[in-house]
C-alpha atoms as a PDB file:
ATOM      1  CA  MET A   1      30.393  -8.366  -0.389  1.00  0.00           C
ATOM      2  CA  GLN A   2      27.634  -8.435  -2.925  1.00  0.00           C
ATOM      3  CA  PRO A   3      24.717  -6.174  -3.768  1.00  0.00           C
ATOM      4  CA  ALA A   4      21.562  -6.641  -1.707  1.00  0.00           C
ATOM      5  CA  ASP A   5      18.433  -7.922  -3.422  1.00  0.00           C
ATOM      6  CA  ALA A   6      16.750  -4.547  -2.962  1.00  0.00           C
ATOM      7  CA  ILE A   7      16.072  -1.231  -4.650  1.00  0.00           C
ATOM      8  CA  PHE A   8      15.491   2.267  -3.310  1.00  0.00           C
ATOM      9  CA  VAL A   9      12.938   4.477  -5.043  1.00  0.00           C
ATOM     10  CA  MET A  10      12.140   8.074  -4.172  1.00  0.00           C
ATOM     11  CA  TRP A  11       9.808  10.769  -5.306  1.00  0.00           C
ATOM     12  CA  ALA A  12      11.579  14.092  -5.859  1.00  0.00           C
ATOM     13  CA  THR A  13      10.507  17.316  -7.496  1.00  0.00           C
ATOM     14  CA  SER A  14      13.977  18.870  -7.595  1.00  0.00           C
ATOM     15  CA  ILE A  15      16.383  18.385 -10.484  1.00  0.00           C
ATOM     16  CA  PHE A  16      19.272  16.009  -9.800  1.00  0.00           C
ATOM     17  CA  ASP A  17      21.934  14.091 -11.670  1.00  0.00           C
ATOM     18  CA  PRO A  18      21.379  10.344 -11.098  1.00  0.00           C
ATOM     19  CA  ALA A  19      25.158   9.754 -11.401  1.00  0.00           C
ATOM     20  CA  VAL A  20      25.894  11.936  -8.354  1.00  0.00           C
ATOM     21  CA  TYR A  21      26.183  10.550  -4.813  1.00  0.00           C
ATOM     22  CA  MET A  22      23.395  11.878  -2.572  1.00  0.00           C
ATOM     23  CA  GLN A  23      23.628  11.918   1.215  1.00  0.00           C
ATOM     24  CA  GLN A  24      19.964  12.674   1.832  1.00  0.00           C
ATOM     25  CA  SER A  25      16.741  11.524   0.240  1.00  0.00           C
ATOM     26  CA  LEU A  26      15.310  14.348  -1.870  1.00  0.00           C
ATOM     27  CA  GLY A  27      11.764  13.189  -1.200  1.00  0.00           C
ATOM     28  CA  PRO A  28       9.783  10.356   0.363  1.00  0.00           C
ATOM     29  CA  GLY A  29      11.298   7.010  -0.555  1.00  0.00           C
ATOM     30  CA  LEU A  30      10.795   3.285  -0.243  1.00  0.00           C
ATOM     31  CA  LEU A  31      13.393   0.552   0.229  1.00  0.00           C
ATOM     32  CA  VAL A  32      12.022  -2.571  -1.469  1.00  0.00           C
ATOM     33  CA  GLY A  33      13.568  -5.935  -0.590  1.00  0.00           C
ATOM     34  CA  PHE A  34      13.202  -8.759  -3.089  1.00  0.00           C
ATOM     35  CA  GLY A  35      14.679 -11.837  -1.398  1.00  0.00           C
ATOM     36  CA  SER A  36      13.677 -14.713  -3.665  1.00  0.00           C
ATOM     37  CA  ALA A  37      10.783 -12.804  -5.300  1.00  0.00           C
ATOM     38  CA  ALA A  38      11.135 -11.828  -8.960  1.00  0.00           C
ATOM     39  CA  GLN A  39       8.883  -8.784  -8.632  1.00  0.00           C
ATOM     40  CA  ARG A  40       7.076  -6.576  -6.113  1.00  0.00           C
ATOM     41  CA  THR A  41       4.113  -4.237  -6.506  1.00  0.00           C
ATOM     42  CA  VAL A  42       4.182  -0.738  -5.030  1.00  0.00           C
ATOM     43  CA  SER A  43       2.427   2.512  -5.837  1.00  0.00           C
ATOM     44  CA  TYR A  44       2.731   6.190  -5.002  1.00  0.00           C
ATOM     45  CA  ASP A  45      -0.180   8.439  -4.092  1.00  0.00           C
ATOM     46  CA  ILE A  46       0.454  12.189  -3.893  1.00  0.00           C
ATOM     47  CA  THR A  47      -1.546  12.370  -0.626  1.00  0.00           C
ATOM     48  CA  GLU A  48      -0.806   8.990   0.982  1.00  0.00           C
ATOM     49  CA  GLY A  49       2.788   8.477  -0.203  1.00  0.00           C
ATOM     50  CA  TRP A  50       4.320   5.091  -1.030  1.00  0.00           C
ATOM     51  CA  GLN A  51       2.026   2.079  -0.704  1.00  0.00           C
ATOM     52  CA  ALA A  52       2.996  -1.575  -0.511  1.00  0.00           C
ATOM     53  CA  GLY A  53      -0.009  -2.991   1.297  1.00  0.00           C
ATOM     54  CA  GLY A  54       1.800  -3.140   4.661  1.00  0.00           C
ATOM     55  CA  ALA A  55       4.332  -5.630   3.287  1.00  0.00           C
ATOM     56  CA  VAL A  56       7.331  -6.439   5.502  1.00  0.00           C
ATOM     57  CA  TRP A  57       9.664  -6.193   2.486  1.00  0.00           C
ATOM     58  CA  ALA A  58       8.927  -2.458   2.063  1.00  0.00           C
ATOM     59  CA  THR A  59      10.571   0.107   4.355  1.00  0.00           C
ATOM     60  CA  PRO A  60       9.422   3.736   4.112  1.00  0.00           C
ATOM     61  CA  VAL A  61      12.217   6.334   4.036  1.00  0.00           C
ATOM     62  CA  ALA A  62      11.439   9.926   5.010  1.00  0.00           C
ATOM     63  CA  SER A  63      12.361  12.917   2.909  1.00  0.00           C
ATOM     64  CA  GLY A  64      15.760  14.178   4.067  1.00  0.00           C
ATOM     65  CA  ALA A  65      16.756  10.784   5.519  1.00  0.00           C
ATOM     66  CA  ASP A  66      20.429   9.768   5.610  1.00  0.00           C
ATOM     67  CA  LEU A  67      20.782   7.506   2.568  1.00  0.00           C
ATOM     68  CA  ALA A  68      24.065   5.946   3.695  1.00  0.00           C
ATOM     69  CA  ALA A  69      22.359   4.625   6.841  1.00  0.00           C
ATOM     70  CA  THR A  70      19.506   3.286   4.699  1.00  0.00           C
ATOM     71  CA  LEU A  71      21.430   1.790   1.785  1.00  0.00           C
ATOM     72  CA  ILE A  72      24.699   0.566   3.282  1.00  0.00           C
ATOM     73  CA  LEU A  73      24.041  -2.529   5.337  1.00  0.00           C
ATOM     74  CA  ASP A  74      26.494  -3.532   8.060  1.00  0.00           C
ATOM     75  CA  PRO A  75      26.047  -7.224   8.870  1.00  0.00           C
ATOM     76  CA  GLY A  76      28.476  -7.104  11.780  1.00  0.00           C
ATOM     77  CA  HIS A  77      31.065  -9.760  12.476  1.00  0.00           C
ATOM     78  CA  ASN A  78      30.227 -12.996  10.634  1.00  0.00           C
ATOM     79  CA  HIS A  79      26.493 -12.309  10.462  1.00  0.00           C
ATOM     80  CA  PRO A  80      24.816 -12.362   7.052  1.00  0.00           C
ATOM     81  CA  VAL A  81      22.252  -9.661   6.325  1.00  0.00           C
ATOM     82  CA  LEU A  82      18.805 -11.050   5.507  1.00  0.00           C
ATOM     83  CA  ARG A  83      15.784  -8.977   4.561  1.00  0.00           C
END
């Protein structure tokens, strides 16, 4: 196994320790896949939420969402995971 070429960002107003495992997203989040791209452009608007211009590499994640289901990818038997 190897890390996916992706990051998860979330907006949260509560205080949290970034070194602690979290089961649920504390606020609206965005899973950003990179693939072969070196960078991606996203923004956050307090009214509209995360914006990525409708890009297929950006997956919105609701506040309170199960982070394990979002961040741990199961490719199944002999099937690579591609984003």
